[in-house]
Protein backbone atom coordinates (compact mmCIF):
# COMPACT_ATOMS: atom_id res chain seq x y z
CA MET A 1 22.91 22.55 -31.51
CA ALA A 2 20.54 22.09 -28.55
CA ARG A 3 21.96 24.65 -26.14
CA CYS A 4 24.44 27.49 -25.98
CA THR A 5 25.60 30.25 -23.66
CA ILE A 6 24.43 33.77 -24.50
CA ARG A 7 25.57 36.70 -22.40
CA GLY A 8 26.52 34.31 -19.62
CA ARG A 9 23.16 32.53 -19.57
CA THR A 10 22.25 29.09 -20.88
CA ALA A 11 19.73 28.99 -23.69
CA LEU A 12 17.97 26.09 -25.44
CA ASP A 13 16.53 25.74 -28.90
CA ARG A 14 13.36 23.67 -29.36
CA ALA A 15 15.29 20.43 -29.67
CA GLY A 16 17.10 21.36 -26.49
CA VAL A 17 13.81 22.01 -24.70
CA ALA A 18 12.59 18.56 -25.75
CA ALA A 19 15.79 16.88 -24.56
CA HIS A 20 15.85 18.81 -21.28
CA THR A 21 12.20 18.17 -20.35
CA GLY A 22 11.92 14.69 -21.82
CA ALA A 23 8.98 15.77 -23.98
CA ALA A 24 8.49 14.90 -27.63
CA ASN A 25 9.38 17.56 -30.19
CA SER A 26 5.72 17.70 -31.21
CA THR A 27 4.75 18.35 -27.57
CA VAL A 28 7.18 21.27 -27.37
CA ASN A 29 5.67 22.66 -30.56
CA HIS A 30 2.21 22.24 -29.01
CA TRP A 31 3.29 24.07 -25.87
CA HIS A 32 4.71 26.89 -27.96
CA ARG A 33 1.72 27.13 -30.28
CA HIS A 34 -0.63 27.37 -27.27
CA ARG A 35 1.75 29.19 -24.94
CA SER A 36 -0.97 31.52 -23.62
CA ARG A 37 -2.78 28.41 -22.34
CA PHE A 38 0.24 26.53 -20.99
CA GLY A 39 2.35 29.47 -19.86
CA PHE A 40 5.21 28.45 -22.11
CA PRO A 41 7.89 31.19 -22.13
CA GLU A 42 8.43 33.56 -25.00
CA GLY A 43 11.50 32.84 -27.06
CA PHE A 44 14.01 35.24 -28.50
CA THR A 45 16.14 35.41 -31.62
CA HIS A 46 19.93 35.19 -31.52
CA ASP A 47 22.08 34.85 -34.63
CA GLY A 48 18.96 34.22 -36.66
CA ARG A 49 17.74 31.33 -34.50
CA GLU A 50 15.03 30.93 -31.89
CA TRP A 51 16.11 30.33 -28.29
CA PHE A 52 14.60 29.99 -24.83
CA TRP A 53 16.33 30.75 -21.55
CA LEU A 54 17.00 27.57 -19.56
CA ASP A 55 15.81 29.22 -16.33
CA ASP A 56 12.47 30.08 -17.95
CA ILE A 57 12.06 26.52 -19.25
CA ASN A 58 12.80 25.08 -15.81
CA ALA A 59 10.23 27.36 -14.18
CA PHE A 60 7.63 26.50 -16.83
CA HIS A 61 8.19 22.75 -16.62
CA THR A 62 8.06 22.69 -12.83
CA ALA A 63 4.75 24.56 -12.86
CA HIS A 64 3.41 22.41 -15.70
CA GLN A 65 4.18 19.15 -13.91
CA ALA A 66 2.69 20.47 -10.65
CA ALA A 67 -0.50 21.46 -12.48
CA LYS A 68 -0.79 18.00 -14.02
CA ARG A 69 -0.37 16.33 -10.64
CA ALA A 70 -2.96 18.64 -9.09
CA GLU A 71 -5.54 17.48 -11.64
CA LEU A 72 -5.17 13.86 -10.58
CA THR A 73 -7.34 12.27 -7.94
CA LYS A 74 -5.95 11.56 -4.48
CA VAL A 75 -4.87 7.95 -3.96
CA ASP A 76 -5.85 6.05 -0.82
CA ARG A 77 -2.67 4.37 0.47
CA ARG A 78 -4.31 2.57 3.39
CA GLY A 79 -4.46 -1.22 3.59
CA GLU A 80 -2.10 -4.10 2.94
CA PRO A 81 -0.28 -4.37 -0.41
CA THR A 82 -1.34 -8.02 -0.73
CA ASP A 83 -5.06 -7.35 -0.22
CA LEU A 84 -7.15 -8.55 -3.18
CA ILE A 85 -9.77 -5.96 -4.10
CA GLY A 86 -12.55 -5.73 -6.67
CA SER A 87 -13.33 -3.02 -9.20
CA GLY A 88 -15.40 -0.91 -6.82
CA GLU A 89 -12.67 -0.80 -4.18
CA ALA A 90 -10.02 -0.22 -6.86
CA ALA A 91 -11.97 2.80 -8.10
CA ARG A 92 -12.24 4.12 -4.54
CA VAL A 93 -8.48 3.67 -3.99
CA LEU A 94 -7.80 5.70 -7.14
CA GLY A 95 -10.29 8.37 -6.09
CA TYR A 96 -12.80 7.67 -8.88
CA GLY A 97 -16.53 7.90 -8.44
CA SER A 98 -17.28 4.74 -10.41
CA TYR A 99 -15.59 1.51 -11.47
CA ARG A 100 -16.41 2.59 -15.04
CA ASN A 101 -13.55 5.10 -14.75
CA LEU A 102 -10.92 2.42 -14.12
CA PRO A 103 -8.07 2.63 -16.65
CA ASP A 104 -7.49 -0.10 -19.20
CA THR A 105 -4.14 -0.84 -17.54
CA LEU A 106 -6.16 -2.39 -14.71
CA LEU A 107 -9.20 -3.70 -16.54
CA ASN A 108 -7.12 -5.63 -19.05
CA ARG A 109 -4.69 -7.14 -16.53
CA PRO A 110 -6.43 -8.43 -13.37
CA ASP A 111 -4.26 -10.30 -10.89
CA ARG A 112 -7.01 -12.88 -10.45
CA VAL A 113 -10.39 -13.67 -11.98
CA ASP A 114 -13.11 -15.43 -9.95
CA VAL A 115 -16.04 -17.10 -11.69
CA LEU A 116 -19.26 -16.39 -9.77
CA PRO A 117 -22.09 -18.96 -9.40
CA ASP A 118 -24.09 -17.22 -12.13
CA GLY A 119 -21.16 -17.48 -14.55
CA ARG A 120 -20.07 -13.87 -14.35
CA ARG A 121 -16.38 -13.18 -13.96
CA ARG A 122 -15.09 -10.96 -11.19
CA ARG A 123 -11.75 -9.25 -11.70
CA LEU A 124 -9.50 -8.78 -8.68
CA TRP A 125 -6.24 -6.90 -8.14
CA TYR A 126 -3.71 -6.72 -5.40
CA ARG A 127 -3.81 -3.35 -3.72
CA ARG A 128 -0.14 -2.91 -4.66
CA THR A 129 -1.08 -3.29 -8.35
CA VAL A 130 -3.60 -0.46 -8.07
CA TRP A 131 -1.02 1.69 -6.32
CA ALA A 132 1.49 0.95 -9.08
CA VAL A 133 -0.97 2.17 -11.70
CA ALA A 134 -1.56 5.32 -9.66
CA ASP A 135 2.19 5.89 -9.36
CA ALA A 136 2.67 5.41 -13.09
CA ARG A 137 0.19 8.15 -13.94
CA THR A 138 2.01 10.65 -11.68
CA GLY A 139 5.36 9.71 -13.18
CA ARG A 140 6.78 8.33 -9.93
CA GLN A 141 7.85 5.01 -11.40
CA SER A 142 6.35 4.95 -14.85
CA THR A 143 8.25 2.79 -17.32
CA GLY A 144 5.96 3.52 -20.23
CA ARG A 145 4.58 -0.04 -19.94
CA THR A 146 1.62 -1.63 -18.29
CA PRO A 147 2.77 -2.92 -14.88
CA GLY A 148 4.03 -6.47 -15.20
CA THR A 149 4.87 -6.38 -18.90
CA THR A 150 8.33 -6.91 -20.34
CA GLY A 151 10.09 -6.50 -23.64
CA ALA A 152 10.31 -3.69 -26.15
CA ARG A 153 7.28 -1.50 -26.67
CA LYS A 154 6.52 -0.24 -30.14
CA PRO A 155 5.42 3.39 -30.25
CA HIS A 156 1.83 3.99 -31.22
CA PRO A 157 1.35 6.00 -34.44
CA TYR A 158 -0.43 8.68 -32.40
CA ALA A 159 2.07 8.67 -29.50
CA ASP A 160 3.67 11.99 -30.51
CA ASP A 161 0.56 13.58 -31.98
CA PRO A 162 0.36 17.25 -30.91
CA ARG A 163 -3.38 16.81 -30.32
CA LEU A 164 -2.80 14.14 -27.70
CA PRO A 165 -2.56 16.54 -24.71
CA ALA A 166 -6.14 17.63 -25.41
CA ALA A 167 -7.26 13.99 -25.17
CA VAL A 168 -5.34 13.51 -21.93
CA THR A 169 -6.86 16.67 -20.45
CA LEU A 170 -10.36 15.54 -21.38
CA LEU A 171 -9.85 12.11 -19.80
CA THR A 172 -8.31 13.58 -16.66
CA GLU A 173 -11.20 15.99 -16.23
CA ALA A 174 -13.71 13.18 -16.76
CA ASP A 175 -12.01 11.05 -14.10
CA ARG A 176 -11.78 13.98 -11.69
CA THR A 177 -15.48 14.76 -11.95
CA GLY A 178 -16.67 11.15 -12.25
CA ARG A 179 -18.02 11.75 -15.73
CA ASP A 180 -18.77 8.69 -17.84
CA ARG A 181 -16.07 8.29 -20.51
CA ARG A 182 -18.65 7.37 -23.10
CA GLY A 183 -19.23 10.34 -25.37
CA LEU A 184 -15.75 11.79 -24.89
CA GLY A 185 -14.88 10.93 -28.50
CA VAL A 186 -17.63 13.20 -29.78
CA ALA A 187 -16.58 15.97 -27.41
CA LEU A 188 -12.93 15.71 -28.47
CA ALA A 189 -13.84 15.61 -32.15
CA TYR A 190 -15.88 18.80 -31.76
CA GLN A 191 -13.12 20.49 -29.72
CA LEU A 192 -10.33 19.73 -32.20
CA GLY A 193 -12.34 19.78 -35.41
CA ILE A 194 -11.41 16.20 -36.28
CA THR A 195 -13.37 13.08 -37.17
CA PRO A 196 -14.84 11.00 -34.33
CA ARG A 197 -12.71 8.03 -35.50
CA THR A 198 -9.50 10.03 -35.08
CA ALA A 199 -10.73 11.32 -31.73
CA GLN A 200 -11.32 7.76 -30.53
CA ARG A 201 -7.80 6.77 -31.59
CA LEU A 202 -6.32 9.69 -29.66
CA LEU A 203 -8.38 8.78 -26.60
CA ALA A 204 -7.21 5.17 -26.88
CA VAL A 205 -3.58 6.29 -26.74
CA ALA A 206 -4.33 8.57 -23.80
CA LYS A 207 -6.09 5.72 -21.98
CA ALA A 208 -3.20 3.36 -22.62
CA ALA A 209 -0.88 5.87 -20.99
CA ASP A 210 -3.42 6.26 -18.15
CA GLY A 211 -3.54 10.02 -18.58
CA ILE A 212 0.26 10.39 -18.28
CA SER A 213 0.32 12.68 -21.03
CA PRO A 214 3.08 13.46 -23.32
CA GLY A 215 4.33 16.65 -21.90
């Protein structure tokens, strides 16, 4: 049972919270375990089971999503969608201080590559492609895929890991402040008490989702 009516009010169990918010069960458990940090509502016991009022979950999730959006950089929507721009301009459009902060969703899928006279390769993207990546991270039109890809997507083994939100938060903060992403694996490993290898895997999943965290 995911929901029921108690004293005229709708209540959800943890599975119901996951279904209602679209979050993974592990994310709901993470919210609950760290509820003082996330502001997740206190539950209550009814007929020997744990429940949460639907109204409280709605208020929490609205505030949680707003907080996540507030952490993101402001996107520059000026210019023509068909303009071809380089990495520096793409970083500026996304509000990043350096092209080094560009997400893998852009770096790995340029719309065009120019070979310079010295042999170096210059990646270019349509401005609309950069906007699409920005929209995906805010959840406006995210499909869970890199823009332009098709077909089924296999879930990553770490996709529902309860430690993933910490990796997303670390990446988001690095992008917001213009911090170089190198060294984040060590910082995450220290924060979570895990091995640097595991930390790098979590960061890789977070990067692939462009900071659209689970939950």
